[in-house]
C-alpha atoms as a PDB file:
ATOM      1  CA  MET A   1     -17.948   8.498  -2.737  1.00  0.00           C
ATOM      2  CA  ARG A   2     -18.017   8.547   1.056  1.00  0.00           C
ATOM      3  CA  ILE A   3     -14.890   9.888   2.715  1.00  0.00           C
ATOM      4  CA  PRO A   4     -14.256   8.552   6.246  1.00  0.00           C
ATOM      5  CA  THR A   5     -14.127  11.038   9.092  1.00  0.00           C
ATOM      6  CA  THR A   6     -11.670   8.856  11.047  1.00  0.00           C
ATOM      7  CA  TRP A   7      -8.746   7.154   9.330  1.00  0.00           C
ATOM      8  CA  THR A   8      -7.708   3.926  11.063  1.00  0.00           C
ATOM      9  CA  PRO A   9      -4.892   1.657   9.842  1.00  0.00           C
ATOM     10  CA  GLU A  10      -7.580  -0.576   8.289  1.00  0.00           C
ATOM     11  CA  THR A  11      -9.095   2.409   6.451  1.00  0.00           C
ATOM     12  CA  TRP A  12      -5.681   3.351   5.064  1.00  0.00           C
ATOM     13  CA  ARG A  13      -4.990  -0.245   3.990  1.00  0.00           C
ATOM     14  CA  ARG A  14      -8.262  -0.487   2.100  1.00  0.00           C
ATOM     15  CA  ALA A  15      -7.795   2.937   0.504  1.00  0.00           C
ATOM     16  CA  ALA A  16      -4.289   2.011  -0.658  1.00  0.00           C
ATOM     17  CA  ALA A  17      -5.234  -1.441  -1.981  1.00  0.00           C
ATOM     18  CA  PRO A  18      -6.303  -1.581  -5.610  1.00  0.00           C
ATOM     19  CA  THR A  19      -9.716  -2.947  -6.505  1.00  0.00           C
ATOM     20  CA  ILE A  20      -9.799  -6.631  -7.361  1.00  0.00           C
ATOM     21  CA  PRO A  21     -10.680  -7.095 -11.055  1.00  0.00           C
ATOM     22  CA  ALA A  22     -14.090  -8.585 -11.733  1.00  0.00           C
ATOM     23  CA  VAL A  23     -14.819 -12.278 -12.056  1.00  0.00           C
ATOM     24  CA  ILE A  24     -17.600 -12.813 -14.572  1.00  0.00           C
ATOM     25  CA  GLU A  25     -19.940 -15.796 -14.750  1.00  0.00           C
ATOM     26  CA  ALA A  26     -20.838 -16.567 -18.351  1.00  0.00           C
ATOM     27  CA  ALA A  27     -22.337 -19.743 -19.783  1.00  0.00           C
ATOM     28  CA  GLY A  28     -21.244 -21.960 -16.890  1.00  0.00           C
ATOM     29  CA  HIS A  29     -17.746 -20.502 -16.569  1.00  0.00           C
ATOM     30  CA  LEU A  30     -16.099 -18.102 -14.136  1.00  0.00           C
ATOM     31  CA  VAL A  31     -13.589 -15.971 -16.045  1.00  0.00           C
ATOM     32  CA  SER A  32     -11.694 -12.703 -15.715  1.00  0.00           C
ATOM     33  CA  GLU A  33      -9.826 -10.469 -18.126  1.00  0.00           C
ATOM     34  CA  GLU A  34      -6.896 -10.500 -15.683  1.00  0.00           C
ATOM     35  CA  THR A  35      -6.063 -14.224 -15.856  1.00  0.00           C
ATOM     36  CA  ASP A  36      -6.232 -17.183 -18.202  1.00  0.00           C
ATOM     37  CA  HIS A  37      -7.477 -19.348 -15.335  1.00  0.00           C
ATOM     38  CA  HIS A  38     -11.150 -20.298 -15.251  1.00  0.00           C
ATOM     39  CA  ALA A  39     -13.660 -22.366 -13.309  1.00  0.00           C
ATOM     40  CA  ASP A  40     -16.286 -24.527 -14.973  1.00  0.00           C
ATOM     41  CA  TYR A  41     -19.722 -25.504 -13.679  1.00  0.00           C
ATOM     42  CA  VAL A  42     -20.043 -29.303 -13.653  1.00  0.00           C
ATOM     43  CA  GLY A  43     -23.563 -29.667 -12.278  1.00  0.00           C
ATOM     44  CA  GLN A  44     -25.186 -30.242  -8.904  1.00  0.00           C
ATOM     45  CA  ASP A  45     -23.946 -26.852  -7.613  1.00  0.00           C
ATOM     46  CA  ARG A  46     -20.298 -27.887  -8.118  1.00  0.00           C
ATOM     47  CA  TRP A  47     -17.432 -26.173  -9.949  1.00  0.00           C
ATOM     48  CA  VAL A  48     -13.939 -27.247 -11.080  1.00  0.00           C
ATOM     49  CA  LEU A  49     -11.083 -24.744 -11.050  1.00  0.00           C
ATOM     50  CA  ASP A  50      -8.539 -25.380 -13.810  1.00  0.00           C
ATOM     51  CA  TYR A  51      -5.498 -25.178 -11.513  1.00  0.00           C
ATOM     52  CA  LEU A  52      -7.012 -27.565  -8.943  1.00  0.00           C
ATOM     53  CA  PRO A  53      -8.064 -30.460 -11.197  1.00  0.00           C
ATOM     54  CA  GLY A  54      -9.860 -33.362  -9.589  1.00  0.00           C
ATOM     55  CA  ARG A  55     -11.453 -31.209  -6.872  1.00  0.00           C
ATOM     56  CA  THR A  56     -15.054 -30.091  -7.003  1.00  0.00           C
ATOM     57  CA  LEU A  57     -15.836 -26.806  -5.305  1.00  0.00           C
ATOM     58  CA  THR A  58     -18.790 -24.698  -4.333  1.00  0.00           C
ATOM     59  CA  ARG A  59     -19.348 -21.503  -6.310  1.00  0.00           C
ATOM     60  CA  ALA A  60     -17.923 -19.482  -3.398  1.00  0.00           C
ATOM     61  CA  GLN A  61     -14.779 -21.638  -3.349  1.00  0.00           C
ATOM     62  CA  ALA A  62     -14.375 -21.361  -7.126  1.00  0.00           C
ATOM     63  CA  LEU A  63     -14.739 -17.594  -6.846  1.00  0.00           C
ATOM     64  CA  ALA A  64     -12.092 -17.528  -4.091  1.00  0.00           C
ATOM     65  CA  GLY A  65      -9.774 -19.550  -6.325  1.00  0.00           C
ATOM     66  CA  MET A  66     -10.299 -17.139  -9.191  1.00  0.00           C
ATOM     67  CA  ARG A  67      -9.533 -14.203  -6.908  1.00  0.00           C
ATOM     68  CA  ILE A  68      -6.268 -15.882  -5.864  1.00  0.00           C
ATOM     69  CA  ALA A  69      -5.274 -16.253  -9.522  1.00  0.00           C
ATOM     70  CA  ILE A  70      -6.147 -12.612 -10.210  1.00  0.00           C
ATOM     71  CA  ALA A  71      -4.647 -10.982  -7.120  1.00  0.00           C
ATOM     72  CA  PRO A  72      -2.092 -13.294  -5.439  1.00  0.00           C
ATOM     73  CA  ASP A  73      -0.515 -10.430  -3.477  1.00  0.00           C
ATOM     74  CA  ARG A  74      -3.699  -9.298  -1.720  1.00  0.00           C
ATOM     75  CA  PRO A  75      -3.942  -9.625   2.073  1.00  0.00           C
ATOM     76  CA  GLU A  76      -7.183 -11.592   1.606  1.00  0.00           C
ATOM     77  CA  VAL A  77      -5.378 -14.514  -0.093  1.00  0.00           C
ATOM     78  CA  GLU A  78      -4.921 -16.318   3.230  1.00  0.00           C
ATOM     79  CA  ARG A  79      -8.693 -16.267   3.841  1.00  0.00           C
ATOM     80  CA  TRP A  80      -9.502 -17.248   0.255  1.00  0.00           C
ATOM     81  CA  ALA A  81      -6.997 -20.117   0.352  1.00  0.00           C
ATOM     82  CA  GLY A  82      -8.384 -21.271   3.695  1.00  0.00           C
ATOM     83  CA  SER A  83     -11.808 -21.674   2.108  1.00  0.00           C
ATOM     84  CA  LEU A  84     -10.145 -24.078  -0.349  1.00  0.00           C
ATOM     85  CA  GLY A  85      -8.422 -26.034   2.440  1.00  0.00           C
ATOM     86  CA  LEU A  86      -5.018 -24.716   1.357  1.00  0.00           C
ATOM     87  CA  THR A  87      -2.407 -22.405   2.763  1.00  0.00           C
ATOM     88  CA  ALA A  88      -1.861 -19.112   0.957  1.00  0.00           C
ATOM     89  CA  ALA A  89       1.514 -20.352  -0.318  1.00  0.00           C
ATOM     90  CA  GLU A  90      -0.023 -23.569  -1.683  1.00  0.00           C
ATOM     91  CA  ALA A  91      -2.863 -21.772  -3.448  1.00  0.00           C
ATOM     92  CA  VAL A  92      -0.622 -19.104  -4.997  1.00  0.00           C
ATOM     93  CA  GLY A  93       1.880 -21.785  -6.008  1.00  0.00           C
ATOM     94  CA  PHE A  94      -0.743 -23.957  -7.704  1.00  0.00           C
ATOM     95  CA  ALA A  95      -2.084 -20.959  -9.601  1.00  0.00           C
ATOM     96  CA  ALA A  96       1.413 -19.879 -10.661  1.00  0.00           C
ATOM     97  CA  LEU A  97       2.515 -23.382 -11.748  1.00  0.00           C
ATOM     98  CA  SER A  98      -0.603 -23.893 -13.830  1.00  0.00           C
ATOM     99  CA  VAL A  99      -0.477 -20.724 -15.922  1.00  0.00           C
ATOM    100  CA  VAL A 100      -1.882 -21.514 -19.328  1.00  0.00           C
ATOM    101  CA  ALA A 101       0.559 -20.660 -22.134  1.00  0.00           C
END
């Protein structure tokens, strides 16, 4: 572990923020132990995220969508949502409305 010699506000924010749980790719699916949401590989380098049906995404976009479902309170959500063409509120709302029972 490397301890910073200078602590900036950004350093403190990162130190205080919990680690984002892992997203695992297994057999054409992106999954995580922290959410029931998943993304499925549909071919030709495209993925479908379960809470955004009808949209095909790149792997990076599907990963961003999974991260939103896992950690909707993180400061990075705005950036992740932007990669999906959504606002943070839209992305978090879609993920919350689509929770699998």
